[in-house]
Amino acid sequence: MKKTHLLYEDGNHRWLVVARDPDKQNYLIDTNEYLVVNGEQALLTDPGGMEIFPAVFSAISTEIDPRQIRSLFASHQDPDIISSLSLWLDFNPEIRCYLSWLWESFIPHFGGNEQTFISLPDAGGEILLGSLKLQAVPAHYLHSSGNFHLYDAKARILFSGDVGAALLPSGNDELFVKDFDQHIAHARGFHQRWMGSQEAVRDWCERASQLKIDMLCPQHGAIYQGADVERFINWFAELKVGTGLNRASGKSAL
């Protein structure tokens, strides 16, 4: 069962995570969904696939009225990111979805119309949630060719999509990274296979190192906090990624 956990609170400004599900079916990749609340408005990041919509909706409903969710943020186009879109629109046809301009004619295959989507240019930009300013941070080719992360300067939280993701073994459902060296072993293969190029990695690491980040929150696995954020950025900057890494063996990095 998915549950919500409070990550940050300052008055009416909150971040919650709908954490991964220890009871999920093995054929599904596990995911985290993050909810940003500012007053009576909320934004849901990478709301997940249609298969898990009931679990996500139920978990959110224990914390807020889901009608407060005015917008969705889709970091990229994958089904585990946004295939629940049509179900969210069935619930509230007025919900808007922020996404890269590159996917504005692809993601509508999951639902919605031209009024649903707010496309983001490659350089990213500001997203307003009431009085709160969020930033869409470019993360192109990590792993999607049109890819964004979401940064909250006030909370010092970076929602990092697939960057930082770890495919953790069954039974490991800790919310935060406890032992970086042990944890990162479950992230290595995923990043080597799914991240497009060293140039894209370096670009992201330079951007991330200029942000003040207390928590780096990936879509899969545990959350990095404190010194582990810098450890991850440094580790990622040195990791060899991209095509050709596994041609010799013919085996997947996963």
Foldseek 3Di string as FASTA:
>chain_A
DWAKDWDDDDPQWTKIKRFWDLPDDPVDATWIKMWTTHHLAIEIEQQFALVCNVVSVVNVVVPHDVVNYQEYEAQAQDRRRDLNVAVVCVVPVRYAYEFAPVCQVPNCVSPDDPNRYDHAYQCWAWDDGDPFTKTWHHLAPQPHNTGTWIAGQVRQEIEDELQVAFRDDRPPRDAADDDLVVRCVRVQLVSQERRAALVSLVVVLVVVVPGRHQWYHYTHDHIYGDPVVVVSSVVSNPRGHHPPPCPVPPDGSD
